């Protein structure tokens, strides 16, 4: 190949490679939906008072349960129901018993010692709620044995 043809061929390759460069936009889109999610961080523990007439998380050795509420958006309410009874108990352990619950929250929403059955407006963000419960015997004492109950927490 003669020198002129080589120069022309080289120039053509350079022109093709620079002319072929392009840019493209890649669009992205998304949507954030309002939501409220509850996560049980830890279960509670019931302990008896010295007279064995109260089982509760506030008694010596008792521990409140903990739930994390993650709210995206506003308009959500955190509610804690009073227990309706024991899910397990020894014979006679569920007779003449009144149940109650209480909760507090810190984080995006701060409330202190709200009685069960009441709701609290949640702010957008993460709130950590501690849940307490009490079972009180109106006559007699709690017989020895294992007891368990459930406190229902909702975010609606």
N, C-alpha and C. Protein backbone atom coordinates (compact mmCIF):
# COMPACT_ATOMS: atom_id res chain seq x y z
N UNK A 1 0.85 -1.15 0.00
CA UNK A 1 0.00 0.00 0.00
C UNK A 1 0.91 1.23 0.00
N UNK A 2 0.55 2.21 -0.78
CA UNK A 2 1.44 3.37 -0.83
C UNK A 2 1.16 4.29 0.33
N UNK A 3 2.00 5.24 0.54
CA UNK A 3 1.97 6.13 1.69
C UNK A 3 0.69 6.95 1.74
N UNK A 4 0.19 7.43 0.64
CA UNK A 4 -1.02 8.24 0.61
C UNK A 4 -2.22 7.41 1.07
N UNK A 5 -2.32 6.17 0.59
CA UNK A 5 -3.44 5.31 0.98
C UNK A 5 -3.39 4.98 2.47
N UNK A 6 -2.18 4.78 3.01
CA UNK A 6 -2.03 4.49 4.43
C UNK A 6 -2.48 5.68 5.28
N UNK A 7 -2.12 6.88 4.88
CA UNK A 7 -2.50 8.09 5.62
C UNK A 7 -4.01 8.27 5.58
N UNK A 8 -4.62 8.07 4.39
CA UNK A 8 -6.07 8.20 4.26
C UNK A 8 -6.80 7.14 5.07
N UNK A 9 -6.30 5.90 5.10
CA UNK A 9 -6.93 4.83 5.86
C UNK A 9 -6.85 5.12 7.36
N UNK A 10 -5.71 5.62 7.82
CA UNK A 10 -5.54 5.98 9.23
C UNK A 10 -6.46 7.11 9.63
N UNK A 11 -6.61 8.11 8.79
CA UNK A 11 -7.49 9.25 9.08
C UNK A 11 -8.94 8.78 9.15
N UNK A 12 -9.31 7.86 8.29
CA UNK A 12 -10.69 7.34 8.29
C UNK A 12 -10.99 6.60 9.60
N UNK A 13 -10.01 5.84 10.11
CA UNK A 13 -10.20 5.13 11.37
C UNK A 13 -10.36 6.12 12.51
N UNK A 14 -9.56 7.18 12.53
CA UNK A 14 -9.67 8.19 13.59
C UNK A 14 -11.02 8.89 13.53
N UNK A 15 -11.52 9.20 12.34
CA UNK A 15 -12.79 9.89 12.20
C UNK A 15 -13.94 9.00 12.66
N UNK A 16 -13.89 7.71 12.37
CA UNK A 16 -14.96 6.79 12.75
C UNK A 16 -15.01 6.66 14.27
N UNK A 17 -13.85 6.55 14.92
CA UNK A 17 -13.84 6.34 16.35
C UNK A 17 -14.30 7.58 17.12
N UNK A 18 -14.05 8.77 16.65
CA UNK A 18 -14.49 9.97 17.35
C UNK A 18 -15.94 10.30 17.01
N UNK A 19 -16.40 9.99 15.85
CA UNK A 19 -17.78 10.26 15.46
C UNK A 19 -18.74 9.31 16.19
N UNK A 20 -18.31 8.09 16.57
CA UNK A 20 -19.17 7.09 17.18
C UNK A 20 -19.47 7.33 18.66
N UNK A 21 -18.87 8.28 19.36
CA UNK A 21 -19.12 8.52 20.78
C UNK A 21 -20.51 9.11 20.98
N UNK A 22 -21.27 8.53 21.94
CA UNK A 22 -22.62 9.00 22.23
C UNK A 22 -22.86 9.02 23.73
N UNK A 23 -23.86 9.75 24.15
CA UNK A 23 -24.27 9.78 25.56
C UNK A 23 -25.76 9.46 25.62
N UNK A 24 -26.16 8.85 26.69
CA UNK A 24 -27.58 8.53 26.89
C UNK A 24 -27.96 8.79 28.34
N UNK A 25 -29.15 9.34 28.55
CA UNK A 25 -29.68 9.54 29.90
C UNK A 25 -30.44 8.28 30.32
N UNK A 26 -30.21 7.83 31.54
CA UNK A 26 -30.93 6.68 32.08
C UNK A 26 -31.83 7.20 33.19
N UNK A 27 -33.14 7.28 32.95
CA UNK A 27 -34.05 7.81 33.97
C UNK A 27 -34.29 6.81 35.10
N UNK A 28 -34.49 7.34 36.30
CA UNK A 28 -34.87 6.55 37.47
C UNK A 28 -36.10 7.20 38.08
N UNK A 29 -36.97 6.38 38.66
CA UNK A 29 -38.13 6.92 39.37
C UNK A 29 -38.45 5.97 40.51
N UNK A 30 -39.21 6.43 41.45
CA UNK A 30 -39.58 5.60 42.59
C UNK A 30 -40.73 6.22 43.34
N UNK A 31 -41.22 5.48 44.31
CA UNK A 31 -42.35 5.93 45.11
C UNK A 31 -42.14 5.47 46.55
N UNK A 32 -42.37 6.34 47.49
CA UNK A 32 -42.31 5.98 48.90
C UNK A 32 -43.74 5.93 49.41
N UNK A 33 -44.16 4.76 49.84
CA UNK A 33 -45.52 4.59 50.35
C UNK A 33 -45.55 4.80 51.85
N UNK A 34 -46.63 5.37 52.34
CA UNK A 34 -46.83 5.51 53.78
C UNK A 34 -46.99 4.11 54.37
N UNK A 35 -46.30 3.86 55.48
CA UNK A 35 -46.38 2.54 56.10
C UNK A 35 -46.00 2.63 57.57
N UNK A 36 -46.40 1.62 58.30
CA UNK A 36 -46.01 1.51 59.70
C UNK A 36 -45.69 0.04 59.97
N UNK A 37 -44.49 -0.21 60.46
CA UNK A 37 -44.03 -1.57 60.71
C UNK A 37 -43.67 -1.73 62.17
N UNK A 38 -44.11 -2.82 62.76
CA UNK A 38 -43.78 -3.13 64.16
C UNK A 38 -42.83 -4.32 64.21
N UNK A 39 -41.82 -4.21 65.06
CA UNK A 39 -40.88 -5.30 65.28
C UNK A 39 -40.76 -5.54 66.78
N UNK A 40 -40.98 -6.78 67.21
CA UNK A 40 -40.83 -7.12 68.62
C UNK A 40 -39.33 -7.30 68.88
N UNK A 41 -38.79 -6.42 69.72
CA UNK A 41 -37.36 -6.48 70.05
C UNK A 41 -37.10 -7.45 71.20
N UNK A 42 -37.98 -7.46 72.18
CA UNK A 42 -37.80 -8.38 73.31
C UNK A 42 -39.14 -8.63 74.00
N UNK A 43 -39.30 -9.84 74.49
CA UNK A 43 -40.49 -10.23 75.24
C UNK A 43 -40.42 -9.66 76.65
N UNK A 44 -41.57 -9.54 77.29
CA UNK A 44 -41.62 -9.10 78.68
C UNK A 44 -41.55 -10.28 79.62
N UNK A 45 -41.34 -9.97 80.90
CA UNK A 45 -41.29 -11.00 81.94
C UNK A 45 -42.22 -10.59 83.07
N UNK A 46 -43.06 -11.53 83.51
CA UNK A 46 -43.94 -11.31 84.66
C UNK A 46 -43.27 -11.83 85.93
N UNK A 47 -43.43 -11.09 87.00
CA UNK A 47 -42.94 -11.53 88.31
C UNK A 47 -44.04 -11.27 89.33
N UNK A 48 -44.05 -12.04 90.40
CA UNK A 48 -45.09 -11.92 91.43
C UNK A 48 -44.64 -10.97 92.53
N UNK A 49 -45.62 -10.25 93.10
CA UNK A 49 -45.31 -9.48 94.31
C UNK A 49 -45.17 -10.47 95.47
N UNK A 50 -44.74 -9.99 96.63
CA UNK A 50 -44.48 -10.90 97.75
C UNK A 50 -45.74 -11.58 98.27
N UNK A 51 -46.91 -10.95 98.07
CA UNK A 51 -48.17 -11.55 98.53
C UNK A 51 -48.76 -12.51 97.50
N UNK A 52 -48.16 -12.58 96.30
CA UNK A 52 -48.65 -13.43 95.20
C UNK A 52 -50.05 -13.04 94.75
N UNK A 53 -50.38 -11.74 94.86
CA UNK A 53 -51.68 -11.24 94.39
C UNK A 53 -51.54 -10.43 93.10
N UNK A 54 -50.32 -10.14 92.72
CA UNK A 54 -50.05 -9.38 91.49
C UNK A 54 -48.94 -10.08 90.71
N UNK A 55 -49.17 -10.26 89.42
CA UNK A 55 -48.12 -10.68 88.48
C UNK A 55 -47.92 -9.52 87.52
N UNK A 56 -46.71 -9.02 87.42
CA UNK A 56 -46.53 -7.87 86.54
C UNK A 56 -45.08 -7.64 86.14
N UNK A 57 -44.94 -6.86 85.10
CA UNK A 57 -43.60 -6.50 84.61
C UNK A 57 -42.95 -5.45 85.50
N UNK A 58 -43.75 -4.75 86.32
CA UNK A 58 -43.20 -3.73 87.21
C UNK A 58 -42.77 -4.30 88.57
N UNK A 59 -43.10 -5.55 88.83
CA UNK A 59 -42.68 -6.17 90.09
C UNK A 59 -41.19 -6.52 90.03
N UNK A 60 -40.56 -6.68 91.21
CA UNK A 60 -39.13 -7.03 91.26
C UNK A 60 -38.89 -8.31 90.46
N UNK A 61 -38.01 -8.24 89.50
CA UNK A 61 -37.72 -9.37 88.61
C UNK A 61 -38.50 -9.35 87.32
N UNK A 62 -39.51 -8.48 87.23
CA UNK A 62 -40.28 -8.33 85.99
C UNK A 62 -39.56 -7.42 85.01
N UNK A 63 -39.88 -7.55 83.74
CA UNK A 63 -39.26 -6.74 82.70
C UNK A 63 -40.31 -6.37 81.66
N UNK A 64 -40.31 -5.12 81.23
CA UNK A 64 -41.20 -4.71 80.14
C UNK A 64 -40.72 -5.30 78.82
N UNK A 65 -41.68 -5.58 77.93
CA UNK A 65 -41.34 -5.98 76.57
C UNK A 65 -41.00 -4.74 75.77
N UNK A 66 -40.38 -4.93 74.60
CA UNK A 66 -39.99 -3.79 73.78
C UNK A 66 -40.36 -4.03 72.32
N UNK A 67 -40.95 -2.99 71.70
CA UNK A 67 -41.37 -3.03 70.30
C UNK A 67 -40.84 -1.77 69.61
N UNK A 68 -40.33 -1.93 68.39
CA UNK A 68 -39.92 -0.78 67.59
C UNK A 68 -40.98 -0.53 66.52
N UNK A 69 -41.44 0.72 66.44
CA UNK A 69 -42.42 1.13 65.42
C UNK A 69 -41.69 2.04 64.43
N UNK A 70 -41.71 1.66 63.16
CA UNK A 70 -41.11 2.48 62.11
C UNK A 70 -42.23 3.03 61.24
N UNK A 71 -42.48 4.33 61.37
CA UNK A 71 -43.56 4.98 60.62
C UNK A 71 -42.97 5.82 59.49
N UNK A 72 -43.46 5.59 58.29
CA UNK A 72 -43.10 6.41 57.13
C UNK A 72 -44.36 7.20 56.78
N UNK A 73 -44.33 8.49 57.06
CA UNK A 73 -45.51 9.32 56.86
C UNK A 73 -46.20 9.56 58.19
N UNK A 74 -47.29 10.29 58.13
CA UNK A 74 -48.03 10.62 59.35
C UNK A 74 -49.43 10.02 59.29
N UNK A 75 -50.15 10.17 60.38
CA UNK A 75 -51.52 9.66 60.44
C UNK A 75 -51.61 8.28 61.06
N UNK A 76 -50.50 7.75 61.58
CA UNK A 76 -50.53 6.43 62.22
C UNK A 76 -50.68 6.58 63.73
N UNK A 77 -51.32 5.58 64.34
CA UNK A 77 -51.53 5.56 65.79
C UNK A 77 -50.97 4.27 66.35
N UNK A 78 -50.20 4.40 67.43
CA UNK A 78 -49.71 3.24 68.17
C UNK A 78 -50.72 2.94 69.26
N UNK A 79 -51.20 1.70 69.30
CA UNK A 79 -52.19 1.30 70.30
C UNK A 79 -51.72 0.05 71.01
N UNK A 80 -51.97 -0.01 72.30
CA UNK A 80 -51.62 -1.17 73.12
C UNK A 80 -52.90 -1.61 73.82
N UNK A 81 -53.31 -2.84 73.56
CA UNK A 81 -54.55 -3.37 74.17
C UNK A 81 -54.24 -3.99 75.53
N UNK A 82 -55.22 -3.95 76.41
CA UNK A 82 -55.08 -4.68 77.67
C UNK A 82 -55.22 -6.17 77.38
N UNK A 83 -54.45 -7.00 78.05
CA UNK A 83 -54.59 -8.45 77.84
C UNK A 83 -56.01 -8.89 78.20
N UNK A 84 -56.47 -9.94 77.55
CA UNK A 84 -57.82 -10.45 77.84
C UNK A 84 -57.78 -11.64 78.78
N UNK A 85 -56.60 -12.14 79.08
CA UNK A 85 -56.47 -13.29 79.97
C UNK A 85 -55.09 -13.90 79.83
N UNK A 86 -54.90 -15.00 80.50
CA UNK A 86 -53.65 -15.75 80.36
C UNK A 86 -53.78 -16.69 79.17
N UNK A 87 -52.66 -16.93 78.50
CA UNK A 87 -52.63 -17.95 77.45
C UNK A 87 -52.20 -19.29 78.03
N UNK A 88 -51.61 -19.26 79.22
CA UNK A 88 -51.26 -20.48 79.96
C UNK A 88 -51.21 -20.11 81.44
N UNK A 89 -51.72 -21.02 82.28
CA UNK A 89 -51.72 -20.80 83.72
C UNK A 89 -52.06 -22.10 84.43
N UNK A 90 -51.65 -22.22 85.69
CA UNK A 90 -52.06 -23.41 86.45
C UNK A 90 -53.55 -23.31 86.82
N UNK A 91 -54.12 -24.40 87.22
CA UNK A 91 -55.53 -24.45 87.62
C UNK A 91 -55.82 -23.40 88.68
N UNK A 92 -56.86 -22.60 88.45
CA UNK A 92 -57.25 -21.56 89.40
C UNK A 92 -56.49 -20.25 89.22
N UNK A 93 -55.49 -20.26 88.41
CA UNK A 93 -54.69 -19.05 88.22
C UNK A 93 -55.39 -17.95 87.45
N UNK A 94 -56.46 -18.31 86.74
CA UNK A 94 -57.16 -17.30 85.94
C UNK A 94 -58.48 -16.85 86.55
N UNK A 95 -58.74 -17.24 87.77
CA UNK A 95 -59.99 -16.87 88.45
C UNK A 95 -59.82 -15.54 89.17
N UNK A 96 -60.82 -14.65 89.01
CA UNK A 96 -60.83 -13.35 89.68
C UNK A 96 -59.57 -12.52 89.38
N UNK A 97 -59.24 -12.41 88.10
CA UNK A 97 -58.04 -11.68 87.70
C UNK A 97 -58.43 -10.52 86.78
N UNK A 98 -57.88 -9.35 87.06
CA UNK A 98 -58.04 -8.17 86.19
C UNK A 98 -56.69 -7.90 85.51
N UNK A 99 -56.76 -7.57 84.22
CA UNK A 99 -55.55 -7.35 83.43
C UNK A 99 -55.45 -5.89 82.99
N UNK A 100 -54.24 -5.38 82.96
CA UNK A 100 -54.00 -4.03 82.46
C UNK A 100 -52.63 -3.98 81.78
N UNK A 101 -52.45 -2.94 80.98
CA UNK A 101 -51.16 -2.73 80.33
C UNK A 101 -50.83 -1.24 80.36
N UNK A 102 -49.58 -0.94 80.07
CA UNK A 102 -49.08 0.44 80.06
C UNK A 102 -47.93 0.49 79.07
N UNK A 103 -47.72 1.66 78.46
CA UNK A 103 -46.58 1.77 77.55
C UNK A 103 -45.99 3.17 77.56
N UNK A 104 -44.72 3.22 77.20
CA UNK A 104 -43.99 4.47 77.01
C UNK A 104 -43.24 4.35 75.70
N UNK A 105 -42.89 5.47 75.09
CA UNK A 105 -42.14 5.44 73.83
C UNK A 105 -41.13 6.57 73.80
N UNK A 106 -40.01 6.31 73.12
CA UNK A 106 -38.99 7.33 72.88
C UNK A 106 -38.60 7.27 71.41
N UNK A 107 -37.96 8.31 70.94
CA UNK A 107 -37.53 8.37 69.54
C UNK A 107 -38.33 9.43 68.81
N UNK A 108 -38.84 9.10 67.63
CA UNK A 108 -39.63 10.07 66.86
C UNK A 108 -40.88 10.49 67.62
N UNK A 109 -41.42 9.57 68.42
CA UNK A 109 -42.58 9.85 69.27
C UNK A 109 -42.19 9.59 70.71
N UNK A 110 -42.53 10.53 71.58
CA UNK A 110 -42.22 10.37 73.00
C UNK A 110 -43.52 10.47 73.80
N UNK A 111 -43.85 9.39 74.51
CA UNK A 111 -44.99 9.37 75.42
C UNK A 111 -44.55 8.61 76.67
N UNK A 112 -45.22 8.87 77.78
CA UNK A 112 -44.81 8.24 79.03
C UNK A 112 -46.01 7.66 79.77
N UNK A 113 -45.90 6.38 80.09
CA UNK A 113 -46.88 5.67 80.91
C UNK A 113 -48.33 5.90 80.47
N UNK A 114 -48.60 5.56 79.23
CA UNK A 114 -49.95 5.65 78.67
C UNK A 114 -50.68 4.35 79.01
N UNK A 115 -51.89 4.46 79.53
CA UNK A 115 -52.69 3.28 79.90
C UNK A 115 -53.08 2.49 78.66
N UNK A 116 -53.04 1.17 78.79
CA UNK A 116 -53.49 0.30 77.71
C UNK A 116 -54.91 0.61 77.32
N UNK A 117 -55.23 0.42 76.06
CA UNK A 117 -56.54 0.76 75.55
C UNK A 117 -56.57 2.15 74.94
N UNK A 118 -55.49 2.91 75.14
CA UNK A 118 -55.37 4.27 74.57
C UNK A 118 -54.37 4.25 73.44
N UNK A 119 -54.57 5.14 72.48
CA UNK A 119 -53.65 5.23 71.36
C UNK A 119 -52.85 6.52 71.41
N UNK A 120 -51.70 6.51 70.75
CA UNK A 120 -50.84 7.70 70.66
C UNK A 120 -50.47 7.92 69.20
N UNK A 121 -50.62 9.16 68.74
CA UNK A 121 -50.23 9.50 67.36
C UNK A 121 -48.73 9.30 67.20
N UNK A 122 -48.35 8.64 66.11
CA UNK A 122 -46.93 8.40 65.83
C UNK A 122 -46.41 9.47 64.88
N UNK A 123 -45.25 10.02 65.20
CA UNK A 123 -44.55 10.89 64.27
C UNK A 123 -43.79 10.03 63.28
N UNK A 124 -43.51 10.56 62.11
CA UNK A 124 -42.74 9.83 61.11
C UNK A 124 -41.34 9.58 61.64
N UNK A 125 -40.88 8.35 61.53
CA UNK A 125 -39.57 7.95 62.02
C UNK A 125 -39.67 6.70 62.87
N UNK A 126 -38.62 6.45 63.64
CA UNK A 126 -38.55 5.24 64.46
C UNK A 126 -38.80 5.59 65.92
N UNK A 127 -39.69 4.84 66.54
CA UNK A 127 -40.00 4.99 67.96
C UNK A 127 -39.84 3.63 68.63
N UNK A 128 -39.27 3.64 69.82
CA UNK A 128 -39.11 2.40 70.59
C UNK A 128 -40.07 2.47 71.77
N UNK A 129 -40.98 1.49 71.84
CA UNK A 129 -41.98 1.45 72.90
C UNK A 129 -41.67 0.32 73.87
N UNK A 130 -41.79 0.62 75.15
CA UNK A 130 -41.67 -0.42 76.17
C UNK A 130 -43.09 -0.69 76.69
N UNK A 131 -43.43 -1.97 76.77
CA UNK A 131 -44.79 -2.40 77.09
C UNK A 131 -44.78 -3.13 78.43
N UNK A 132 -45.63 -2.68 79.34
CA UNK A 132 -45.76 -3.36 80.62
C UNK A 132 -47.14 -3.96 80.76
N UNK A 133 -47.25 -4.98 81.58
CA UNK A 133 -48.55 -5.57 81.86
C UNK A 133 -48.64 -6.00 83.30
N UNK A 134 -49.89 -6.02 83.80
CA UNK A 134 -50.15 -6.43 85.17
C UNK A 134 -51.40 -7.30 85.21
N UNK A 135 -51.33 -8.36 86.00
CA UNK A 135 -52.50 -9.20 86.30
C UNK A 135 -52.68 -9.12 87.82
N UNK A 136 -53.87 -8.72 88.24
CA UNK A 136 -54.13 -8.54 89.67
C UNK A 136 -55.27 -9.46 90.11
N UNK A 137 -55.01 -10.26 91.12
CA UNK A 137 -56.00 -11.20 91.65
C UNK A 137 -56.85 -10.46 92.69
N UNK A 138 -58.17 -10.44 92.49
CA UNK A 138 -59.04 -9.70 93.41
C UNK A 138 -59.38 -10.51 94.66
N UNK A 139 -59.26 -11.83 94.59
CA UNK A 139 -59.45 -12.65 95.79
C UNK A 139 -58.51 -13.85 95.70
N UNK A 140 -57.92 -14.18 96.82
CA UNK A 140 -56.98 -15.29 96.85
C UNK A 140 -55.62 -14.87 96.31
N UNK A 141 -54.81 -15.89 96.04
CA UNK A 141 -53.46 -15.65 95.52
C UNK A 141 -53.27 -16.44 94.23
N UNK A 142 -52.23 -16.06 93.51
CA UNK A 142 -51.88 -16.83 92.31
C UNK A 142 -51.24 -18.14 92.75
N UNK A 143 -51.79 -19.29 92.31
CA UNK A 143 -51.16 -20.56 92.66
C UNK A 143 -49.81 -20.70 91.97
N UNK A 144 -48.90 -21.47 92.56
CA UNK A 144 -47.59 -21.68 91.92
C UNK A 144 -47.76 -22.29 90.53
N UNK A 145 -46.88 -21.92 89.63
CA UNK A 145 -46.90 -22.46 88.28
C UNK A 145 -46.48 -21.43 87.25
N UNK A 146 -46.49 -21.85 86.00
CA UNK A 146 -46.06 -20.99 84.89
C UNK A 146 -47.27 -20.23 84.33
N UNK A 147 -47.08 -18.95 84.09
CA UNK A 147 -48.11 -18.07 83.55
C UNK A 147 -47.57 -17.39 82.29
N UNK A 148 -48.46 -17.17 81.34
CA UNK A 148 -48.08 -16.37 80.17
C UNK A 148 -49.32 -15.64 79.67
N UNK A 149 -49.08 -14.53 79.00
CA UNK A 149 -50.15 -13.72 78.45
C UNK A 149 -49.58 -12.97 77.25
N UNK A 150 -50.46 -12.30 76.51
CA UNK A 150 -50.05 -11.55 75.32
C UNK A 150 -50.66 -10.17 75.40
N UNK A 151 -49.85 -9.15 75.10
CA UNK A 151 -50.33 -7.80 74.95
C UNK A 151 -50.25 -7.49 73.45
N UNK A 152 -51.37 -7.12 72.86
CA UNK A 152 -51.41 -6.85 71.42
C UNK A 152 -51.09 -5.37 71.18
N UNK A 153 -50.07 -5.13 70.34
CA UNK A 153 -49.65 -3.78 69.96
C UNK A 153 -49.99 -3.61 68.49
N UNK A 154 -50.63 -2.50 68.13
CA UNK A 154 -50.98 -2.27 66.73
C UNK A 154 -50.51 -0.88 66.29
N UNK A 155 -50.29 -0.78 65.02
CA UNK A 155 -49.95 0.49 64.38
C UNK A 155 -50.91 0.62 63.20
N UNK A 156 -51.81 1.58 63.29
CA UNK A 156 -52.82 1.71 62.24
C UNK A 156 -53.07 3.16 61.92
